[in-house]
N, C-alpha and C. Protein backbone atom coordinates (compact mmCIF):
# COMPACT_ATOMS: atom_id res chain seq x y z
N UNK A 1 -5.12 48.58 39.64
CA UNK A 1 -5.32 48.42 38.21
C UNK A 1 -6.09 49.61 37.63
N UNK A 2 -7.00 50.16 38.40
CA UNK A 2 -7.77 51.31 37.93
C UNK A 2 -6.88 52.50 37.67
N UNK A 3 -5.84 52.66 38.48
CA UNK A 3 -4.94 53.79 38.31
C UNK A 3 -4.17 53.67 37.00
N UNK A 4 -3.80 52.46 36.64
CA UNK A 4 -3.07 52.25 35.39
C UNK A 4 -3.96 52.61 34.21
N UNK A 5 -5.20 52.15 34.25
CA UNK A 5 -6.15 52.44 33.19
C UNK A 5 -6.39 53.96 33.10
N UNK A 6 -6.54 54.60 34.24
CA UNK A 6 -6.76 56.04 34.28
C UNK A 6 -5.56 56.78 33.70
N UNK A 7 -4.36 56.33 34.03
CA UNK A 7 -3.15 56.97 33.50
C UNK A 7 -3.08 56.81 31.98
N UNK A 8 -3.47 55.66 31.48
CA UNK A 8 -3.47 55.45 30.03
C UNK A 8 -4.50 56.34 29.34
N UNK A 9 -5.67 56.49 29.97
CA UNK A 9 -6.69 57.38 29.41
C UNK A 9 -6.20 58.82 29.36
N UNK A 10 -5.58 59.26 30.44
CA UNK A 10 -5.07 60.62 30.49
C UNK A 10 -3.97 60.84 29.45
N UNK A 11 -3.09 59.86 29.32
CA UNK A 11 -2.01 59.97 28.34
C UNK A 11 -2.57 60.06 26.92
N UNK A 12 -3.57 59.22 26.63
CA UNK A 12 -4.19 59.22 25.32
C UNK A 12 -4.88 60.55 25.01
N UNK A 13 -5.44 61.16 26.06
CA UNK A 13 -6.12 62.46 25.90
C UNK A 13 -5.14 63.62 25.97
N UNK A 14 -3.85 63.30 26.10
CA UNK A 14 -2.79 64.32 26.20
C UNK A 14 -3.03 65.28 27.37
N UNK A 15 -3.49 64.73 28.49
CA UNK A 15 -3.71 65.48 29.72
C UNK A 15 -2.56 65.21 30.67
N UNK A 16 -2.25 66.14 31.55
CA UNK A 16 -1.18 65.90 32.52
C UNK A 16 -1.58 64.80 33.50
N UNK A 17 -0.65 63.94 33.80
CA UNK A 17 -0.92 62.83 34.71
C UNK A 17 -0.45 63.25 36.10
N UNK A 18 -1.38 63.73 36.89
CA UNK A 18 -1.11 64.16 38.26
C UNK A 18 -1.96 63.34 39.21
N UNK A 19 -1.66 63.44 40.48
CA UNK A 19 -2.43 62.69 41.47
C UNK A 19 -3.90 63.09 41.43
N UNK A 20 -4.16 64.38 41.31
CA UNK A 20 -5.54 64.86 41.28
C UNK A 20 -6.29 64.39 40.03
N UNK A 21 -5.62 64.47 38.87
CA UNK A 21 -6.29 64.04 37.64
C UNK A 21 -6.52 62.53 37.64
N UNK A 22 -5.60 61.77 38.26
CA UNK A 22 -5.81 60.33 38.37
C UNK A 22 -7.02 60.02 39.24
N UNK A 23 -7.16 60.74 40.36
CA UNK A 23 -8.31 60.52 41.24
C UNK A 23 -9.61 60.79 40.50
N UNK A 24 -9.64 61.88 39.73
CA UNK A 24 -10.85 62.22 38.98
C UNK A 24 -11.14 61.18 37.90
N UNK A 25 -10.13 60.71 37.23
CA UNK A 25 -10.32 59.73 36.17
C UNK A 25 -10.77 58.39 36.73
N UNK A 26 -10.27 58.01 37.89
CA UNK A 26 -10.67 56.74 38.50
C UNK A 26 -12.14 56.79 38.88
N UNK A 27 -12.60 57.94 39.39
CA UNK A 27 -14.00 58.08 39.76
C UNK A 27 -14.87 58.02 38.51
N UNK A 28 -14.48 58.70 37.41
CA UNK A 28 -15.27 58.69 36.16
C UNK A 28 -15.27 57.33 35.52
N UNK A 29 -14.18 56.52 35.72
CA UNK A 29 -14.07 55.22 35.07
C UNK A 29 -14.67 54.10 35.90
N UNK A 30 -15.22 54.42 37.06
CA UNK A 30 -15.81 53.40 37.92
C UNK A 30 -17.00 52.75 37.22
N UNK A 31 -17.16 51.45 37.41
CA UNK A 31 -18.24 50.71 36.77
C UNK A 31 -19.59 51.14 37.34
N UNK A 32 -20.56 51.34 36.47
CA UNK A 32 -21.88 51.74 36.96
C UNK A 32 -22.58 50.60 37.69
N UNK A 33 -23.28 50.94 38.74
CA UNK A 33 -24.04 49.93 39.48
C UNK A 33 -25.38 49.74 38.80
N UNK A 34 -25.88 48.53 38.86
CA UNK A 34 -27.20 48.28 38.29
C UNK A 34 -27.19 47.11 37.34
N UNK A 35 -28.20 47.04 36.50
CA UNK A 35 -28.38 45.89 35.62
C UNK A 35 -27.76 46.06 34.25
N UNK A 36 -26.96 47.04 34.00
CA UNK A 36 -26.38 47.27 32.70
C UNK A 36 -25.33 46.26 32.31
N UNK A 37 -24.87 45.48 33.24
CA UNK A 37 -23.78 44.54 32.96
C UNK A 37 -24.21 43.39 32.07
N UNK A 38 -25.43 42.91 32.19
CA UNK A 38 -25.86 41.75 31.41
C UNK A 38 -25.87 42.04 29.93
N UNK A 39 -26.30 43.23 29.53
CA UNK A 39 -26.33 43.59 28.12
C UNK A 39 -24.92 43.64 27.56
N UNK A 40 -24.00 44.21 28.32
CA UNK A 40 -22.61 44.30 27.86
C UNK A 40 -21.99 42.92 27.73
N UNK A 41 -22.28 42.04 28.69
CA UNK A 41 -21.69 40.70 28.65
C UNK A 41 -22.16 39.95 27.42
N UNK A 42 -23.44 40.06 27.10
CA UNK A 42 -23.97 39.36 25.94
C UNK A 42 -23.33 39.88 24.67
N UNK A 43 -23.19 41.18 24.56
CA UNK A 43 -22.59 41.79 23.38
C UNK A 43 -21.12 41.37 23.27
N UNK A 44 -20.41 41.35 24.41
CA UNK A 44 -19.01 40.94 24.40
C UNK A 44 -18.85 39.51 23.94
N UNK A 45 -19.75 38.62 24.39
CA UNK A 45 -19.68 37.22 24.00
C UNK A 45 -19.88 37.07 22.49
N UNK A 46 -20.82 37.85 21.93
CA UNK A 46 -21.05 37.80 20.50
C UNK A 46 -19.84 38.31 19.73
N UNK A 47 -19.24 39.38 20.21
CA UNK A 47 -18.06 39.93 19.56
C UNK A 47 -16.91 38.95 19.60
N UNK A 48 -16.73 38.29 20.73
CA UNK A 48 -15.64 37.32 20.86
C UNK A 48 -15.83 36.14 19.92
N UNK A 49 -17.06 35.66 19.78
CA UNK A 49 -17.29 34.53 18.88
C UNK A 49 -17.04 34.93 17.43
N UNK A 50 -17.42 36.16 17.05
CA UNK A 50 -17.15 36.63 15.69
C UNK A 50 -15.65 36.73 15.45
N UNK A 51 -14.93 37.26 16.43
CA UNK A 51 -13.49 37.41 16.29
C UNK A 51 -12.81 36.05 16.17
N UNK A 52 -13.29 35.07 16.92
CA UNK A 52 -12.72 33.73 16.87
C UNK A 52 -12.95 33.11 15.49
N UNK A 53 -14.15 33.30 14.95
CA UNK A 53 -14.44 32.77 13.62
C UNK A 53 -13.57 33.42 12.56
N UNK A 54 -13.41 34.75 12.65
CA UNK A 54 -12.59 35.46 11.69
C UNK A 54 -11.13 35.03 11.78
N UNK A 55 -10.66 34.82 13.00
CA UNK A 55 -9.27 34.41 13.19
C UNK A 55 -9.03 33.02 12.61
N UNK A 56 -9.96 32.11 12.83
CA UNK A 56 -9.78 30.77 12.30
C UNK A 56 -9.86 30.77 10.78
N UNK A 57 -10.71 31.62 10.21
CA UNK A 57 -10.79 31.71 8.76
C UNK A 57 -9.49 32.28 8.20
N UNK A 58 -8.91 33.23 8.88
CA UNK A 58 -7.65 33.82 8.42
C UNK A 58 -6.51 32.83 8.49
N UNK A 59 -6.49 32.00 9.52
CA UNK A 59 -5.43 31.00 9.65
C UNK A 59 -5.53 29.92 8.59
N UNK A 60 -6.74 29.55 8.21
CA UNK A 60 -6.89 28.51 7.22
C UNK A 60 -6.37 28.96 5.84
N UNK A 61 -6.40 30.27 5.60
CA UNK A 61 -5.89 30.79 4.35
C UNK A 61 -4.38 30.62 4.25
N UNK A 62 -3.70 30.59 5.38
CA UNK A 62 -2.26 30.40 5.37
C UNK A 62 -1.86 29.02 4.87
N UNK A 63 -2.70 28.03 5.20
CA UNK A 63 -2.37 26.65 4.86
C UNK A 63 -3.13 26.16 3.63
N UNK A 64 -3.97 27.01 3.05
CA UNK A 64 -4.89 26.74 1.95
C UNK A 64 -4.42 25.79 0.96
């Protein structure tokens, strides 16, 4: 799965997709070790709840 993500990043950056560039991109895209994950998870949960509220508000306008 990491290779697919790396290939998409390279394509978006208009870089050649070669075996070597994929290896480098996979290493740069590796998840950092440590305690940084908890902050991201909390932020993601808040973003998801906002998106859910906005989506439900948008759907109610259809049936208004």
